Amino acid sequence: MDHALRKHHGEAPDAATLERSLRIEARDVYGWSSAPGDRFGEHEHAYTKILYCVRGSIDFTLADGRLLALSAGDRLTLPAGTRHRALVGTEGCACIEGKM
């Protein structure tokens, strides 16, 4: 499985709708938020991560340099073992994620 970025068009669904959708296919679902400009150093997970951006924006950069830019309503799937880092946008972000 390769990474998958699904861009949302139009008004973003509310957090409760995105969380209900995610709980159908993932476990250990939780929400989090970060301040503008926060950085997450390069790392990987032992599980496939599914993440929805609920508010704001966050950019994920894969180890090969590919940039995956998420804004409200967008969904990202990162397979287990995918090296990545992230940078939060100028308005901060709120996300919901779970393990698949």
Protein backbone atom coordinates (compact mmCIF):
# COMPACT_ATOMS: atom_id res chain seq x y z
CA MET A 1 0.00 0.00 0.00
CA ASP A 2 1.30 3.43 -0.95
CA HIS A 3 0.36 6.67 0.78
CA ALA A 4 -2.97 8.16 -0.27
CA LEU A 5 -4.02 11.80 -0.09
CA ARG A 6 -7.69 12.48 -0.70
CA LYS A 7 -8.43 16.18 -1.14
CA HIS A 8 -11.82 17.48 -0.02
CA HIS A 9 -13.67 19.99 -2.18
CA GLY A 10 -16.24 22.42 -0.85
CA GLU A 11 -17.02 23.09 2.79
CA ALA A 12 -15.22 20.71 5.14
CA PRO A 13 -17.35 18.28 7.18
CA ASP A 14 -17.50 18.99 10.91
CA ALA A 15 -15.21 17.15 13.33
CA ALA A 16 -17.96 14.83 14.61
CA THR A 17 -18.79 13.66 11.08
CA LEU A 18 -15.13 12.99 10.26
CA GLU A 19 -14.64 11.13 13.55
CA ARG A 20 -17.68 8.89 12.96
CA SER A 21 -16.38 8.06 9.49
CA LEU A 22 -12.90 7.25 10.78
CA ARG A 23 -14.18 5.04 13.62
CA ILE A 24 -15.75 2.71 11.02
CA GLU A 25 -12.33 1.71 9.67
CA ALA A 26 -9.79 2.55 12.38
CA ARG A 27 -9.08 1.91 16.05
CA ASP A 28 -7.56 4.14 18.73
CA VAL A 29 -9.14 7.22 17.16
CA TYR A 30 -8.27 10.54 18.80
CA GLY A 31 -8.11 14.25 18.04
CA TRP A 32 -5.24 16.66 18.52
CA SER A 33 -4.26 20.18 17.62
CA SER A 34 -1.03 22.10 17.09
CA ALA A 35 0.02 25.73 17.01
CA PRO A 36 1.10 27.58 13.87
CA GLY A 37 4.57 26.57 12.74
CA ASP A 38 4.84 23.49 14.98
CA ARG A 39 7.17 20.86 13.53
CA PHE A 40 7.22 17.10 13.90
CA GLY A 41 10.61 15.57 13.13
CA GLU A 42 11.06 12.64 10.78
CA HIS A 43 9.60 9.43 12.18
CA GLU A 44 7.53 6.40 11.22
CA HIS A 45 4.75 4.33 12.77
CA ALA A 46 4.40 0.56 13.14
CA TYR A 47 0.77 0.85 11.96
CA THR A 48 -1.08 2.37 9.02
CA LYS A 49 -2.14 5.86 10.04
CA ILE A 50 -5.31 7.51 8.76
CA LEU A 51 -5.57 11.24 9.44
CA TYR A 52 -8.21 13.86 8.69
CA CYS A 53 -7.36 17.55 8.87
CA VAL A 54 -10.35 19.15 10.61
CA ARG A 55 -9.20 22.77 10.75
CA GLY A 56 -6.25 24.76 9.44
CA SER A 57 -3.48 23.04 7.50
CA ILE A 58 -0.52 20.71 7.87
CA ASP A 59 2.12 19.63 5.36
CA PHE A 60 3.62 16.15 5.49
CA THR A 61 6.93 15.52 3.75
CA LEU A 62 7.86 11.92 2.95
CA ALA A 63 11.44 10.64 3.13
CA ASP A 64 11.69 10.80 -0.69
CA GLY A 65 10.83 14.51 -0.61
CA ARG A 66 7.19 14.28 -1.75
CA LEU A 67 5.04 16.99 -0.14
CA LEU A 68 1.47 16.16 0.92
CA ALA A 69 -0.39 19.37 1.82
CA LEU A 70 -3.57 18.92 3.86
CA SER A 71 -6.26 21.46 4.63
CA ALA A 72 -9.67 21.14 6.30
CA GLY A 73 -11.54 18.02 5.16
CA ASP A 74 -8.52 16.31 3.53
CA ARG A 75 -7.61 12.72 4.41
CA LEU A 76 -4.17 11.11 4.48
CA THR A 77 -3.35 7.41 4.72
CA LEU A 78 0.26 6.54 5.58
CA PRO A 79 1.19 2.85 5.47
CA ALA A 80 3.16 1.38 8.36
CA GLY A 81 6.86 2.17 8.12
CA THR A 82 6.43 5.33 5.99
CA ARG A 83 9.07 7.86 7.09
CA HIS A 84 7.62 11.35 7.27
CA ARG A 85 7.84 14.72 8.98
CA ALA A 86 5.25 17.49 9.30
CA LEU A 87 4.94 21.26 9.49
CA VAL A 88 1.78 22.95 10.75
CA GLY A 89 0.43 25.86 8.70
CA THR A 90 0.13 29.52 9.64
CA GLU A 91 -3.33 29.10 11.23
CA GLY A 92 -2.44 25.99 13.24
CA CYS A 93 -4.33 22.76 12.73
CA ALA A 94 -6.71 20.32 14.36
CA CYS A 95 -6.68 16.69 13.21
CA ILE A 96 -8.34 13.37 13.95
CA GLU A 97 -6.35 10.20 13.42
CA GLY A 98 -6.54 6.49 14.00
CA LYS A 99 -4.74 3.22 13.40
CA MET A 100 -5.81 0.87 10.63
